[in-house]
Protein backbone atom coordinates (compact mmCIF):
# COMPACT_ATOMS: atom_id res chain seq x y z
CA UNK A 1 98.67 75.94 90.62
CA UNK A 2 99.74 72.31 91.04
CA UNK A 3 98.71 70.82 94.89
CA UNK A 4 102.69 70.34 95.52
CA UNK A 5 104.02 73.76 95.02
CA UNK A 6 101.21 75.12 97.12
CA UNK A 7 102.69 72.94 99.42
CA UNK A 8 106.02 73.63 99.53
CA UNK A 9 104.51 77.53 100.63
CA UNK A 10 102.44 76.58 102.89
CA UNK A 11 103.16 73.03 104.27
CA UNK A 12 101.45 69.89 104.29
CA UNK A 13 100.46 70.35 108.46
CA UNK A 14 99.02 73.34 107.28
CA UNK A 15 96.73 72.21 104.13
CA UNK A 16 96.20 69.31 107.07
CA UNK A 17 93.88 72.72 108.84
CA UNK A 18 92.28 74.05 105.70
CA UNK A 19 91.09 70.28 104.99
CA UNK A 20 89.58 70.53 108.87
CA UNK A 21 88.62 73.99 109.60
CA UNK A 22 84.95 73.83 108.99
CA UNK A 23 84.31 71.91 111.83
CA UNK A 24 84.39 72.90 115.11
CA UNK A 25 87.80 70.87 116.12
CA UNK A 26 89.60 73.04 113.32
CA UNK A 27 89.76 75.70 116.10
CA UNK A 28 91.93 73.46 118.05
CA UNK A 29 94.40 72.06 115.44
CA UNK A 30 97.33 73.91 115.28
CA UNK A 31 99.89 74.44 112.22
CA UNK A 32 99.20 76.98 110.17
CA UNK A 33 102.52 79.25 108.85
CA UNK A 34 102.91 81.35 111.85
CA UNK A 35 102.95 84.90 109.81
CA UNK A 36 105.95 86.11 108.83
CA UNK A 37 106.52 82.70 107.12
CA UNK A 38 103.27 83.44 105.60
CA UNK A 39 103.94 87.36 105.31
CA UNK A 40 107.13 86.79 104.17
CA UNK A 41 106.26 83.30 101.50
CA UNK A 42 103.43 85.99 100.20
CA UNK A 43 105.80 88.69 99.24
CA UNK A 44 107.88 86.50 97.02
CA UNK A 45 104.99 85.44 95.39
CA UNK A 46 104.19 89.68 95.03
CA UNK A 47 107.67 89.70 93.94
CA UNK A 48 107.72 87.38 91.09
CA UNK A 49 104.80 88.80 90.16
CA UNK A 50 105.44 92.42 89.38
CA UNK A 51 108.42 90.92 87.46
CA UNK A 52 106.52 88.90 85.58
CA UNK A 53 104.15 91.96 84.81
CA UNK A 54 107.89 94.32 84.31
CA UNK A 55 108.68 91.28 81.37
CA UNK A 56 105.50 91.76 79.91
CA UNK A 57 105.09 95.61 79.33
CA UNK A 58 108.77 95.22 78.34
CA UNK A 59 108.29 92.36 75.46
CA UNK A 60 104.78 94.25 74.36
CA UNK A 61 107.03 97.27 73.50
CA UNK A 62 109.20 94.94 71.31
CA UNK A 63 105.87 92.92 69.96
CA UNK A 64 104.67 96.58 69.10
CA UNK A 65 107.42 98.03 66.87
CA UNK A 66 108.14 94.25 65.35
CA UNK A 67 104.31 94.89 64.37
CA UNK A 68 105.23 98.21 63.28
CA UNK A 69 108.59 97.10 60.50
CA UNK A 70 106.24 93.98 60.17
CA UNK A 71 103.83 96.55 58.62
CA UNK A 72 106.23 98.75 57.54
CA UNK A 73 107.76 95.90 54.85
CA UNK A 74 103.98 94.49 53.75
CA UNK A 75 103.35 98.35 52.69
CA UNK A 76 107.01 98.33 51.09
CA UNK A 77 106.04 94.77 49.21
CA UNK A 78 102.80 96.19 48.07
CA UNK A 79 104.47 99.31 46.36
CA UNK A 80 107.30 96.96 44.76
CA UNK A 81 104.60 94.70 43.13
CA UNK A 82 102.36 98.02 42.63
CA UNK A 83 106.10 98.97 40.56
CA UNK A 84 106.04 95.39 39.00
CA UNK A 85 102.86 95.12 37.12
CA UNK A 86 103.02 98.86 36.19
CA UNK A 87 106.00 98.40 33.76
CA UNK A 88 104.64 95.27 33.09
CA UNK A 89 101.61 96.57 31.20
CA UNK A 90 103.57 99.82 29.83
CA UNK A 91 105.82 97.35 28.41
CA UNK A 92 103.04 95.51 27.29
CA UNK A 93 101.46 98.60 25.74
CA UNK A 94 104.57 99.79 23.99
CA UNK A 95 105.71 96.32 22.49
CA UNK A 96 101.71 96.52 21.33
CA UNK A 97 102.54 99.75 19.73
CA UNK A 98 106.21 98.59 18.68
CA UNK A 99 104.31 95.37 16.82
CA UNK A 100 101.63 96.87 14.93
CA UNK A 101 104.26 99.86 13.66
CA UNK A 102 106.06 96.47 12.61
CA UNK A 103 102.90 95.63 10.96
CA UNK A 104 101.62 97.67 9.30
CA UNK A 105 105.42 97.93 7.69
CA UNK A 106 105.08 94.41 6.64
CA UNK A 107 101.58 95.01 4.92
CA UNK A 108 103.11 98.21 2.99
CA UNK A 109 105.04 95.31 1.31
CA UNK A 110 108.04 96.98 1.46
CA UNK A 111 111.13 98.13 4.11
CA UNK A 112 111.54 101.24 6.06
CA UNK A 113 115.06 102.16 4.56
CA UNK A 114 112.35 101.99 0.86
CA UNK A 115 110.09 103.45 1.66
CA UNK A 116 112.21 106.96 3.61
CA UNK A 117 113.41 106.42 0.52
CA UNK A 118 111.10 106.87 -2.26
CA UNK A 119 109.60 108.67 -0.17
CA UNK A 120 112.33 111.70 0.30
CA UNK A 121 112.68 114.46 -2.48
CA UNK A 122 116.40 114.48 -1.61
CA UNK A 123 119.50 112.42 0.15
CA UNK A 124 118.58 115.34 3.37
CA UNK A 125 115.59 114.69 3.41
CA UNK A 126 116.16 110.99 3.30
CA UNK A 127 118.63 111.53 5.77
CA UNK A 128 116.16 113.36 8.32
CA UNK A 129 113.96 110.14 7.68
CA UNK A 130 116.26 107.78 8.73
CA UNK A 131 117.27 110.01 11.16
CA UNK A 132 113.35 110.50 12.71
CA UNK A 133 113.22 106.12 12.07
CA UNK A 134 116.37 105.45 14.10
CA UNK A 135 115.47 108.48 16.68
CA UNK A 136 112.26 106.24 17.40
CA UNK A 137 113.27 102.87 17.45
CA UNK A 138 116.34 103.94 19.68
CA UNK A 139 113.29 105.34 21.89
CA UNK A 140 111.18 102.50 21.85
CA UNK A 141 114.28 100.52 21.98
CA UNK A 142 115.12 102.11 24.89
CA UNK A 143 111.70 102.25 26.91
CA UNK A 144 111.69 99.16 26.09
CA UNK A 145 114.52 98.05 28.22
CA UNK A 146 113.92 100.41 30.64
CA UNK A 147 110.52 98.79 31.56
CA UNK A 148 112.45 95.53 32.21
CA UNK A 149 115.17 96.65 34.35
CA UNK A 150 112.26 98.16 36.34
CA UNK A 151 110.56 95.26 36.25
CA UNK A 152 114.08 93.19 37.19
CA UNK A 153 114.21 95.35 40.30
CA UNK A 154 110.89 95.50 41.40
CA UNK A 155 111.05 91.47 40.98
CA UNK A 156 114.89 91.49 42.99
CA UNK A 157 113.36 94.76 45.67
CA UNK A 158 109.82 91.70 46.23
CA UNK A 159 112.14 88.66 47.46
CA UNK A 160 114.45 90.53 49.19
CA UNK A 161 111.69 92.15 50.94
CA UNK A 162 109.86 88.45 50.96
CA UNK A 163 112.79 87.46 53.17
CA UNK A 164 111.79 90.05 55.42
CA UNK A 165 108.83 90.36 55.85
CA UNK A 166 109.10 86.25 56.53
CA UNK A 167 111.82 86.98 59.08
CA UNK A 168 109.39 90.30 60.52
CA UNK A 169 106.69 87.00 60.57
CA UNK A 170 109.24 85.11 62.66
CA UNK A 171 109.93 87.47 65.37
CA UNK A 172 106.28 88.24 65.93
CA UNK A 173 105.86 84.86 66.36
CA UNK A 174 108.22 83.99 68.71
CA UNK A 175 107.65 87.23 70.78
CA UNK A 176 103.82 86.32 71.10
CA UNK A 177 104.72 82.20 72.09
CA UNK A 178 106.94 84.32 74.79
CA UNK A 179 104.11 86.68 75.93
CA UNK A 180 102.24 84.02 76.21
CA UNK A 181 104.68 81.55 78.00
CA UNK A 182 105.07 84.97 80.82
CA UNK A 183 101.46 85.29 80.89
CA UNK A 184 101.20 81.26 81.81
CA UNK A 185 103.93 82.14 84.52
CA UNK A 186 101.76 85.14 85.65
CA UNK A 187 98.26 83.14 85.99
CA UNK A 188 99.91 80.69 87.97
CA UNK A 189 101.73 83.05 90.03
CA UNK A 190 98.31 84.72 90.59
CA UNK A 191 96.70 81.55 91.67
CA UNK A 192 98.94 80.78 94.30
CA UNK A 193 98.98 84.41 95.27
CA UNK A 194 94.72 83.91 96.09
CA UNK A 195 95.46 80.52 97.05
CA UNK A 196 98.29 82.12 100.23
CA UNK A 197 95.78 84.66 100.18
CA UNK A 198 92.59 82.50 100.84
CA UNK A 199 94.66 80.87 103.25
CA UNK A 200 96.38 83.73 105.10
CA UNK A 201 92.19 84.82 105.21
CA UNK A 202 91.35 81.09 107.02
CA UNK A 203 94.15 81.20 109.57
CA UNK A 204 93.42 85.30 110.09
CA UNK A 205 89.39 83.65 110.86
CA UNK A 206 90.90 80.68 113.10
CA UNK A 207 93.23 83.11 114.60
CA UNK A 208 90.47 85.08 115.88
CA UNK A 209 88.40 81.99 117.28
CA UNK A 210 91.18 80.94 118.98
CA UNK A 211 91.83 83.98 120.89
CA UNK A 212 88.20 82.88 122.34
CA UNK A 213 89.76 79.17 122.95
CA UNK A 214 89.35 78.88 126.26
CA UNK A 215 86.15 80.12 126.87
CA UNK A 216 84.87 77.99 124.19
CA UNK A 217 86.06 74.98 125.54
CA UNK A 218 84.94 75.87 129.12
CA UNK A 219 81.32 76.00 127.64
CA UNK A 220 81.37 73.91 125.40
CA UNK A 221 82.08 71.38 128.33
CA UNK A 222 79.48 72.54 131.09
CA UNK A 223 76.82 73.13 128.65
CA UNK A 224 76.89 69.36 127.43
CA UNK A 225 77.50 67.88 131.14
CA UNK A 226 74.48 66.37 132.39
CA UNK A 227 74.30 66.59 136.54
CA UNK A 228 74.09 63.34 138.51
CA UNK A 229 71.65 65.10 140.83
CA UNK A 230 69.88 66.70 142.25
CA UNK A 231 71.61 70.05 141.58
CA UNK A 232 72.22 72.71 144.96
CA UNK A 233 74.98 72.37 147.81
CA UNK A 234 74.49 68.89 149.96
CA UNK A 235 76.10 71.22 153.14
CA UNK A 236 74.06 74.31 153.07
CA UNK A 237 77.30 75.86 155.11
CA UNK A 238 78.91 75.13 152.08
CA UNK A 239 77.00 77.64 150.69
CA UNK A 240 78.99 81.08 149.67
CA UNK A 241 77.58 84.18 150.90
CA UNK A 242 77.38 87.22 150.05
CA UNK A 243 81.13 88.05 150.68
CA UNK A 244 82.43 85.11 147.96
CA UNK A 245 81.16 87.46 145.38
CA UNK A 246 82.97 90.67 146.82
CA UNK A 247 85.83 89.52 145.17
CA UNK A 248 86.95 87.42 141.69
CA UNK A 249 88.90 84.35 140.92
CA UNK A 250 89.62 82.91 137.20
CA UNK A 251 87.08 80.96 137.12
CA UNK A 252 84.74 83.98 137.23
CA UNK A 253 85.50 84.85 133.52
CA UNK A 254 84.43 81.80 132.16
CA UNK A 255 81.07 81.46 130.83
CA UNK A 256 77.85 80.16 132.73
CA UNK A 257 75.71 77.12 131.76
CA UNK A 258 72.92 77.77 129.87
CA UNK A 259 69.75 78.52 131.58
CA UNK A 260 67.78 75.18 130.35
CA UNK A 261 68.32 71.86 128.09
CA UNK A 262 67.43 73.89 125.36
CA UNK A 263 69.38 77.23 125.28
CA UNK A 264 72.68 73.69 125.84
CA UNK A 265 71.14 72.44 122.79
CA UNK A 266 71.11 75.59 121.02
CA UNK A 267 74.81 76.59 121.94
CA UNK A 268 76.05 73.63 120.64
CA UNK A 269 74.26 73.90 117.35
CA UNK A 270 75.21 77.38 116.74
CA UNK A 271 79.00 76.31 118.01
CA UNK A 272 79.07 73.12 115.19
CA UNK A 273 78.67 75.57 112.43
CA UNK A 274 81.75 77.69 113.42
CA UNK A 275 84.59 78.32 110.48
CA UNK A 276 81.27 78.07 107.85
CA UNK A 277 80.98 80.85 104.96
CA UNK A 278 78.29 83.48 105.43
CA UNK A 279 76.06 83.74 102.96
CA UNK A 280 73.43 86.08 102.55
CA UNK A 281 70.05 84.32 103.46
CA UNK A 282 71.52 80.67 103.74
CA UNK A 283 69.55 78.67 106.31
CA UNK A 284 72.74 75.08 106.55
CA UNK A 285 73.70 73.48 106.90
CA UNK A 286 76.86 74.42 104.46
CA UNK A 287 76.33 78.39 105.05
CA UNK A 288 74.13 81.06 107.05
CA UNK A 289 73.49 84.80 107.28
CA UNK A 290 73.43 85.69 110.40
CA UNK A 291 68.92 84.97 111.32
CA UNK A 292 69.45 81.80 109.62
CA UNK A 293 72.21 80.80 112.32
CA UNK A 294 70.44 81.85 115.05
CA UNK A 295 67.08 80.16 113.79
CA UNK A 296 68.24 77.27 112.50
CA UNK A 297 70.35 76.60 116.07
CA UNK A 298 66.81 77.25 118.28
CA UNK A 299 65.21 74.75 115.91
CA UNK A 300 67.32 72.15 116.92
CA UNK A 301 66.26 72.49 120.98
CA UNK A 302 62.90 73.41 119.39
CA UNK A 303 61.99 76.85 119.30
CA UNK A 304 60.69 77.79 115.73
CA UNK A 305 61.55 82.05 115.28
CA UNK A 306 62.36 83.43 111.90
CA UNK A 307 63.98 84.47 109.79
CA UNK A 308 64.97 88.17 110.40
CA UNK A 309 66.95 89.50 113.11
CA UNK A 310 64.45 91.90 113.52
CA UNK A 311 61.57 89.32 114.27
CA UNK A 312 63.76 87.49 116.26
CA UNK A 313 64.01 90.49 118.49
CA UNK A 314 60.37 91.28 118.87
CA UNK A 315 59.56 87.70 119.43
CA UNK A 316 60.96 86.41 122.55
CA UNK A 317 61.47 88.22 126.39
CA UNK A 318 63.75 91.08 126.77
CA UNK A 319 66.48 90.68 129.18
CA UNK A 320 68.56 93.32 130.10
CA UNK A 321 72.56 92.89 128.51
CA UNK A 322 74.14 92.70 132.44
CA UNK A 323 71.65 89.56 132.87
CA UNK A 324 72.70 87.81 129.59
CA UNK A 325 72.71 83.70 129.76
CA UNK A 326 74.56 81.40 127.26
CA UNK A 327 72.08 80.95 123.75
CA UNK A 328 70.57 84.19 124.43
CA UNK A 329 70.24 86.16 121.33
CA UNK A 330 71.92 89.52 121.35
CA UNK A 331 70.94 92.27 118.95
CA UNK A 332 72.62 95.26 116.49
CA UNK A 333 71.83 97.96 114.19
CA UNK A 334 69.17 101.01 114.89
CA UNK A 335 66.68 99.57 113.28
CA UNK A 336 67.74 95.60 113.70
CA UNK A 337 70.00 94.27 110.92
CA UNK A 338 72.47 91.58 112.90
CA UNK A 339 72.28 88.47 115.58
CA UNK A 340 75.08 87.23 117.54
CA UNK A 341 74.16 84.16 120.28
CA UNK A 342 75.48 84.83 123.29
CA UNK A 343 78.53 82.09 124.75
CA UNK A 344 79.35 83.30 127.53
CA UNK A 345 82.64 85.30 128.85
CA UNK A 346 81.28 88.49 126.88
CA UNK A 347 81.05 86.32 123.96
CA UNK A 348 78.84 85.72 121.04
CA UNK A 349 79.15 83.04 117.88
CA UNK A 350 77.32 84.99 114.79
CA UNK A 351 77.72 84.81 111.23
CA UNK A 352 79.07 88.62 110.59
CA UNK A 353 79.03 89.32 106.45
CA UNK A 354 80.05 88.65 103.24
CA UNK A 355 83.24 86.95 102.78
CA UNK A 356 83.44 85.47 106.33
CA UNK A 357 83.42 82.56 108.56
CA UNK A 358 80.82 81.32 111.17
CA UNK A 359 83.31 82.00 114.03
CA UNK A 360 83.12 83.55 118.22
CA UNK A 361 84.09 87.07 118.54
CA UNK A 362 83.87 89.12 121.59
CA UNK A 363 80.60 90.75 122.06
CA UNK A 364 82.18 94.56 121.60
CA UNK A 365 80.39 96.59 118.70
CA UNK A 366 79.09 100.18 119.99
CA UNK A 367 75.53 99.37 118.49
CA UNK A 368 74.27 96.90 120.30
CA UNK A 369 70.75 97.13 120.27
CA UNK A 370 69.47 94.57 122.71
CA UNK A 371 69.06 91.22 123.55
CA UNK A 372 66.30 88.51 124.07
CA UNK A 373 65.80 84.90 125.60
CA UNK A 374 64.05 82.18 123.30
CA UNK A 375 61.80 79.41 124.83
CA UNK A 376 60.93 81.76 127.76
């Protein structure tokens, strides 16, 4: 499907989004078609595909009927050719017999009338012989005439059938061309639908990530910030007391700063992979599986770990879920088969499964097995 057709369907802004989606910043770019527009377009293309499919089915039936007629005409032509061949063969055989008889009479040295007269006992016998000779001659002549007529009729029938055969072949060729054209159009529409579905899938992945955009932006800002001096309040009186923890504020929902520079590096590295595809055994740079993402991200922070979720869980200090800090690894399954990296606010960045992209998702799976803290 030409890019211009897809651009008409999705809009140029959408294509720009698709081009930049694999990077982290594309999560903050707008411009994908709205759900109602995309759904309407998808519905229109599917309707066109259904229409073409119905037309192809109807054309297939016409083609099948035309093919049956073509085979029938070809069979009739063959029968006519066989009839003509038999007539010609019989005609030649009878002609050969007549020629042999004529030669025999000639070799006898007398015309048939003289032979009949001389061999007759009386006039009545002569008349009978002449009548027999006449009957044989008439029979031979009639048979030869009939065979000639049959041959001529067969040839006329062949000529008519040949014209009908030519027409039938022309119809078949025309139907075959129409079917090919429809199939080409159908393939184009199916390709377009696939592109729309892929765009919708990417848009859905982006929408899922956007739901956590506020948390991600705040977290990235914090983990990339470098303290300008010794941390801690300059005035002890400004230190919040226990009473300060009884309430909540909008900032309470934001992720906390990773507990170490290593964790900050690992989180930044993992977040930079958002939008890249899940591929089994992938560990970057273009694709990841779950443990490949965490291994690669923490490797950039100087921490080496195995490319296995279960081994990663067994290799580091376990922490309780209520003590999670950004950079911690969270594990799922019994036995463990999935791992993600906690980024704060109840969210994790992970490579979910085949067909999906690296993304930030709520840490709400029911099969949470535990958590571990690398670098400790």
